[in-house]
Amino acid sequence: PELKDLNSSMTTSEMVREIEELRKDCASYTEKLEMIKSATNHVTPEEKEKVCSEQKLYCKEWRRRKRMATELLEAILEGYPKSKKQFFEEVGIETDEDHNVTLPAAV
């Protein structure tokens, strides 16, 4: 068993090559990290706040419009002889649920 383990392990020259490759990888990753850290194009807190407030506004509007559309469709379906699904197919309405779309979580 020991011989089998020794035969399947790496030789010294293979180990040296592997260490060199890992050092090169490490150096390239260190370079990338330094470039990221030294980047001057970070988002300012004002920009971030603006984007977050816009997202909240759009989500609020999405909810409001969805509620209005749902109420309107419910009113139409009260006097409609067929099922809701059949009505949606006939009219060509696609819902968020049909496409597995959900509102983003509040930030």
N, C-alpha and C. Protein backbone atom coordinates (compact mmCIF):
# COMPACT_ATOMS: atom_id res chain seq x y z
N PRO A 1 0.82 -1.21 0.00
CA PRO A 1 0.00 0.00 0.00
C PRO A 1 0.86 1.27 0.00
N GLU A 2 1.97 1.25 0.72
CA GLU A 2 2.82 2.43 0.76
C GLU A 2 3.42 2.72 -0.61
N LEU A 3 3.83 1.67 -1.31
CA LEU A 3 4.41 1.83 -2.63
C LEU A 3 3.38 2.41 -3.60
N LYS A 4 2.17 1.95 -3.48
CA LYS A 4 1.10 2.45 -4.33
C LYS A 4 0.89 3.95 -4.08
N ASP A 5 0.89 4.36 -2.82
CA ASP A 5 0.74 5.77 -2.47
C ASP A 5 1.90 6.59 -3.02
N LEU A 6 3.09 6.07 -2.89
CA LEU A 6 4.26 6.81 -3.38
C LEU A 6 4.24 6.93 -4.90
N ASN A 7 3.82 5.88 -5.58
CA ASN A 7 3.76 5.92 -7.05
C ASN A 7 2.70 6.88 -7.55
N SER A 8 1.62 7.05 -6.81
CA SER A 8 0.54 7.93 -7.25
C SER A 8 0.77 9.38 -6.83
N SER A 9 1.74 9.64 -5.97
CA SER A 9 2.01 11.02 -5.55
C SER A 9 2.88 11.73 -6.58
N MET A 10 2.96 13.05 -6.45
CA MET A 10 3.71 13.86 -7.41
C MET A 10 5.22 13.75 -7.15
N THR A 11 5.97 13.87 -8.22
CA THR A 11 7.43 13.86 -8.08
C THR A 11 7.88 15.26 -7.68
N THR A 12 9.14 15.37 -7.33
CA THR A 12 9.68 16.66 -6.89
C THR A 12 9.58 17.70 -8.00
N SER A 13 9.93 17.30 -9.22
CA SER A 13 9.87 18.26 -10.34
C SER A 13 8.43 18.69 -10.62
N GLU A 14 7.48 17.76 -10.50
CA GLU A 14 6.07 18.11 -10.69
C GLU A 14 5.61 19.08 -9.60
N MET A 15 6.09 18.83 -8.37
CA MET A 15 5.73 19.70 -7.26
C MET A 15 6.27 21.10 -7.48
N VAL A 16 7.52 21.20 -7.95
CA VAL A 16 8.14 22.50 -8.21
C VAL A 16 7.34 23.25 -9.27
N ARG A 17 6.94 22.56 -10.35
CA ARG A 17 6.13 23.17 -11.41
C ARG A 17 4.78 23.65 -10.86
N GLU A 18 4.18 22.82 -10.05
CA GLU A 18 2.87 23.16 -9.46
C GLU A 18 2.99 24.38 -8.56
N ILE A 19 4.05 24.44 -7.77
CA ILE A 19 4.26 25.59 -6.88
C ILE A 19 4.46 26.86 -7.70
N GLU A 20 5.22 26.78 -8.78
CA GLU A 20 5.45 27.94 -9.64
C GLU A 20 4.14 28.43 -10.26
N GLU A 21 3.33 27.50 -10.73
CA GLU A 21 2.03 27.87 -11.31
C GLU A 21 1.15 28.55 -10.26
N LEU A 22 1.15 28.00 -9.07
CA LEU A 22 0.34 28.59 -8.00
C LEU A 22 0.84 29.98 -7.63
N ARG A 23 2.15 30.16 -7.64
CA ARG A 23 2.70 31.49 -7.34
C ARG A 23 2.31 32.50 -8.42
N LYS A 24 2.35 32.06 -9.69
CA LYS A 24 1.94 32.94 -10.79
C LYS A 24 0.46 33.32 -10.63
N ASP A 25 -0.37 32.33 -10.33
CA ASP A 25 -1.80 32.59 -10.12
C ASP A 25 -1.99 33.58 -8.98
N CYS A 26 -1.28 33.35 -7.90
CA CYS A 26 -1.39 34.22 -6.73
C CYS A 26 -0.98 35.64 -7.09
N ALA A 27 0.09 35.79 -7.86
CA ALA A 27 0.55 37.12 -8.26
C ALA A 27 -0.48 37.81 -9.14
N SER A 28 -1.09 37.06 -10.07
CA SER A 28 -2.10 37.68 -10.94
C SER A 28 -3.33 38.08 -10.14
N TYR A 29 -3.72 37.26 -9.17
CA TYR A 29 -4.87 37.61 -8.34
C TYR A 29 -4.57 38.82 -7.45
N THR A 30 -3.34 38.89 -6.97
CA THR A 30 -2.94 40.04 -6.16
C THR A 30 -2.99 41.31 -7.00
N GLU A 31 -2.54 41.21 -8.25
CA GLU A 31 -2.60 42.35 -9.17
C GLU A 31 -4.04 42.80 -9.38
N LYS A 32 -4.92 41.84 -9.65
CA LYS A 32 -6.34 42.16 -9.86
C LYS A 32 -6.92 42.83 -8.63
N LEU A 33 -6.60 42.31 -7.46
CA LEU A 33 -7.10 42.87 -6.21
C LEU A 33 -6.63 44.31 -6.04
N GLU A 34 -5.37 44.57 -6.34
CA GLU A 34 -4.85 45.92 -6.22
C GLU A 34 -5.54 46.86 -7.20
N MET A 35 -5.81 46.38 -8.42
CA MET A 35 -6.50 47.21 -9.40
C MET A 35 -7.91 47.54 -8.91
N ILE A 36 -8.58 46.57 -8.31
CA ILE A 36 -9.93 46.80 -7.81
C ILE A 36 -9.89 47.78 -6.65
N LYS A 37 -8.93 47.61 -5.74
CA LYS A 37 -8.82 48.50 -4.59
C LYS A 37 -8.47 49.92 -5.00
N SER A 38 -7.68 50.07 -6.04
CA SER A 38 -7.24 51.40 -6.44
C SER A 38 -8.21 52.06 -7.42
N ALA A 39 -9.27 51.37 -7.79
CA ALA A 39 -10.23 51.94 -8.74
C ALA A 39 -10.86 53.20 -8.15
N THR A 40 -11.00 54.20 -9.00
CA THR A 40 -11.57 55.46 -8.54
C THR A 40 -13.01 55.62 -8.98
N ASN A 41 -13.55 54.62 -9.65
CA ASN A 41 -14.91 54.74 -10.17
C ASN A 41 -15.94 54.07 -9.27
N HIS A 42 -15.74 54.14 -7.97
CA HIS A 42 -16.71 53.57 -7.05
C HIS A 42 -17.97 54.42 -7.04
N VAL A 43 -19.06 53.82 -6.64
CA VAL A 43 -20.34 54.52 -6.57
C VAL A 43 -20.37 55.36 -5.30
N THR A 44 -20.76 56.59 -5.46
CA THR A 44 -20.84 57.47 -4.30
C THR A 44 -22.11 57.16 -3.51
N PRO A 45 -22.12 57.49 -2.22
CA PRO A 45 -23.33 57.24 -1.42
C PRO A 45 -24.57 57.95 -1.97
N GLU A 46 -24.37 59.13 -2.56
CA GLU A 46 -25.49 59.87 -3.14
C GLU A 46 -26.08 59.10 -4.32
N GLU A 47 -25.20 58.58 -5.18
CA GLU A 47 -25.67 57.81 -6.34
C GLU A 47 -26.40 56.55 -5.88
N LYS A 48 -25.84 55.90 -4.89
CA LYS A 48 -26.46 54.68 -4.39
C LYS A 48 -27.83 54.98 -3.81
N GLU A 49 -27.94 56.05 -3.05
CA GLU A 49 -29.22 56.44 -2.45
C GLU A 49 -30.24 56.78 -3.53
N LYS A 50 -29.78 57.45 -4.58
CA LYS A 50 -30.67 57.81 -5.69
C LYS A 50 -31.22 56.55 -6.36
N VAL A 51 -30.35 55.60 -6.64
CA VAL A 51 -30.76 54.36 -7.29
C VAL A 51 -31.72 53.58 -6.40
N CYS A 52 -31.42 53.51 -5.10
CA CYS A 52 -32.30 52.79 -4.17
C CYS A 52 -33.68 53.45 -4.08
N SER A 53 -33.70 54.78 -4.04
CA SER A 53 -35.00 55.46 -3.95
C SER A 53 -35.79 55.27 -5.24
N GLU A 54 -35.10 55.28 -6.39
CA GLU A 54 -35.80 55.02 -7.65
C GLU A 54 -36.37 53.60 -7.69
N GLN A 55 -35.59 52.63 -7.18
CA GLN A 55 -36.08 51.25 -7.16
C GLN A 55 -37.31 51.14 -6.28
N LYS A 56 -37.30 51.80 -5.12
CA LYS A 56 -38.47 51.78 -4.23
C LYS A 56 -39.68 52.38 -4.93
N LEU A 57 -39.45 53.49 -5.62
CA LEU A 57 -40.54 54.15 -6.34
C LEU A 57 -41.13 53.22 -7.41
N TYR A 58 -40.25 52.60 -8.20
CA TYR A 58 -40.72 51.73 -9.27
C TYR A 58 -41.44 50.49 -8.72
N CYS A 59 -40.94 49.94 -7.63
CA CYS A 59 -41.61 48.78 -7.02
C CYS A 59 -42.98 49.17 -6.48
N LYS A 60 -43.04 50.35 -5.87
CA LYS A 60 -44.32 50.84 -5.35
C LYS A 60 -45.31 51.02 -6.50
N GLU A 61 -44.85 51.59 -7.61
CA GLU A 61 -45.69 51.79 -8.78
C GLU A 61 -46.14 50.45 -9.37
N TRP A 62 -45.22 49.48 -9.41
CA TRP A 62 -45.53 48.14 -9.92
C TRP A 62 -46.66 47.53 -9.09
N ARG A 63 -46.52 47.60 -7.76
CA ARG A 63 -47.56 47.04 -6.88
C ARG A 63 -48.89 47.73 -7.11
N ARG A 64 -48.86 49.05 -7.22
CA ARG A 64 -50.09 49.83 -7.40
C ARG A 64 -50.78 49.45 -8.71
N ARG A 65 -50.01 49.38 -9.79
CA ARG A 65 -50.59 49.04 -11.09
C ARG A 65 -51.09 47.60 -11.12
N LYS A 66 -50.34 46.71 -10.48
CA LYS A 66 -50.78 45.32 -10.44
C LYS A 66 -52.10 45.20 -9.67
N ARG A 67 -52.20 45.91 -8.56
CA ARG A 67 -53.43 45.89 -7.77
C ARG A 67 -54.60 46.45 -8.58
N MET A 68 -54.37 47.55 -9.31
CA MET A 68 -55.42 48.15 -10.12
C MET A 68 -55.86 47.19 -11.22
N ALA A 69 -54.91 46.55 -11.88
CA ALA A 69 -55.24 45.61 -12.95
C ALA A 69 -56.01 44.42 -12.41
N THR A 70 -55.59 43.93 -11.25
CA THR A 70 -56.26 42.79 -10.63
C THR A 70 -57.70 43.14 -10.28
N GLU A 71 -57.91 44.32 -9.71
CA GLU A 71 -59.26 44.75 -9.36
C GLU A 71 -60.13 44.89 -10.60
N LEU A 72 -59.57 45.46 -11.65
CA LEU A 72 -60.31 45.62 -12.90
C LEU A 72 -60.68 44.27 -13.49
N LEU A 73 -59.74 43.35 -13.51
CA LEU A 73 -60.01 42.02 -14.07
C LEU A 73 -61.02 41.26 -13.22
N GLU A 74 -60.95 41.42 -11.90
CA GLU A 74 -61.92 40.77 -11.02
C GLU A 74 -63.33 41.28 -11.33
N ALA A 75 -63.45 42.59 -11.56
CA ALA A 75 -64.75 43.18 -11.88
C ALA A 75 -65.27 42.63 -13.21
N ILE A 76 -64.41 42.49 -14.19
CA ILE A 76 -64.81 41.94 -15.49
C ILE A 76 -65.23 40.49 -15.34
N LEU A 77 -64.49 39.73 -14.54
CA LEU A 77 -64.75 38.30 -14.40
C LEU A 77 -66.04 37.99 -13.62
N GLU A 78 -66.55 38.97 -12.89
CA GLU A 78 -67.80 38.73 -12.16
C GLU A 78 -68.93 38.35 -13.09
N GLY A 79 -68.98 38.97 -14.26
CA GLY A 79 -70.06 38.67 -15.21
C GLY A 79 -69.61 37.78 -16.35
N TYR A 80 -68.40 37.27 -16.30
CA TYR A 80 -67.87 36.44 -17.39
C TYR A 80 -68.22 34.98 -17.15
N PRO A 81 -68.78 34.31 -18.17
CA PRO A 81 -69.25 32.93 -17.95
C PRO A 81 -68.14 31.89 -17.83
N LYS A 82 -66.96 32.16 -18.35
CA LYS A 82 -65.89 31.16 -18.33
C LYS A 82 -64.95 31.42 -17.16
N SER A 83 -63.93 30.56 -17.07
CA SER A 83 -62.98 30.69 -15.97
C SER A 83 -61.99 31.83 -16.21
N LYS A 84 -61.29 32.20 -15.16
CA LYS A 84 -60.29 33.26 -15.22
C LYS A 84 -59.18 32.88 -16.21
N LYS A 85 -58.76 31.64 -16.16
CA LYS A 85 -57.68 31.16 -17.04
C LYS A 85 -58.11 31.26 -18.50
N GLN A 86 -59.35 30.85 -18.81
CA GLN A 86 -59.84 30.92 -20.18
C GLN A 86 -59.93 32.37 -20.65
N PHE A 87 -60.38 33.26 -19.77
CA PHE A 87 -60.46 34.68 -20.11
C PHE A 87 -59.08 35.23 -20.44
N PHE A 88 -58.10 34.93 -19.60
CA PHE A 88 -56.75 35.42 -19.83
C PHE A 88 -56.20 34.91 -21.16
N GLU A 89 -56.51 33.66 -21.52
CA GLU A 89 -56.04 33.09 -22.79
C GLU A 89 -56.71 33.78 -23.96
N GLU A 90 -58.02 34.02 -23.87
CA GLU A 90 -58.75 34.66 -24.96
C GLU A 90 -58.28 36.09 -25.19
N VAL A 91 -58.06 36.81 -24.12
CA VAL A 91 -57.67 38.22 -24.22
C VAL A 91 -56.17 38.35 -24.48
N GLY A 92 -55.37 37.36 -24.06
CA GLY A 92 -53.92 37.40 -24.26
C GLY A 92 -53.19 38.06 -23.11
N ILE A 93 -53.72 37.91 -21.92
CA ILE A 93 -53.09 38.50 -20.75
C ILE A 93 -52.06 37.54 -20.18
N GLU A 94 -50.87 38.07 -19.94
CA GLU A 94 -49.81 37.28 -19.30
C GLU A 94 -49.56 37.89 -17.92
N THR A 95 -49.51 37.06 -16.92
CA THR A 95 -49.32 37.55 -15.56
C THR A 95 -47.86 37.37 -15.12
N ASP A 96 -47.52 38.04 -14.02
CA ASP A 96 -46.18 37.87 -13.44
C ASP A 96 -45.96 36.41 -13.08
N GLU A 97 -46.99 35.78 -12.58
CA GLU A 97 -46.88 34.39 -12.14
C GLU A 97 -46.62 33.44 -13.33
N ASP A 98 -47.14 33.78 -14.51
CA ASP A 98 -46.89 32.96 -15.70
C ASP A 98 -45.40 32.91 -16.03
N HIS A 99 -44.71 33.98 -15.73
CA HIS A 99 -43.29 34.08 -16.05
C HIS A 99 -42.40 33.99 -14.83
N ASN A 100 -42.96 33.58 -13.70
CA ASN A 100 -42.22 33.44 -12.44
C ASN A 100 -41.49 34.71 -12.05
N VAL A 101 -42.16 35.85 -12.21
CA VAL A 101 -41.58 37.14 -11.87
C VAL A 101 -42.09 37.57 -10.50
N THR A 102 -41.18 38.01 -9.67
CA THR A 102 -41.57 38.51 -8.35
C THR A 102 -40.97 39.90 -8.16
N LEU A 103 -41.61 40.66 -7.32
CA LEU A 103 -41.08 41.98 -6.99
C LEU A 103 -39.77 41.83 -6.24
N PRO A 104 -38.79 42.68 -6.52
CA PRO A 104 -37.53 42.61 -5.77
C PRO A 104 -37.76 42.95 -4.31
N ALA A 105 -36.95 42.41 -3.46
CA ALA A 105 -37.04 42.68 -2.03
C ALA A 105 -36.68 44.13 -1.76
N ALA A 106 -37.28 44.69 -0.76
CA ALA A 106 -37.00 46.08 -0.41
C ALA A 106 -35.56 46.22 0.07
N VAL A 107 -34.90 47.28 -0.36
CA VAL A 107 -33.51 47.50 0.00
C VAL A 107 -33.41 48.50 1.11
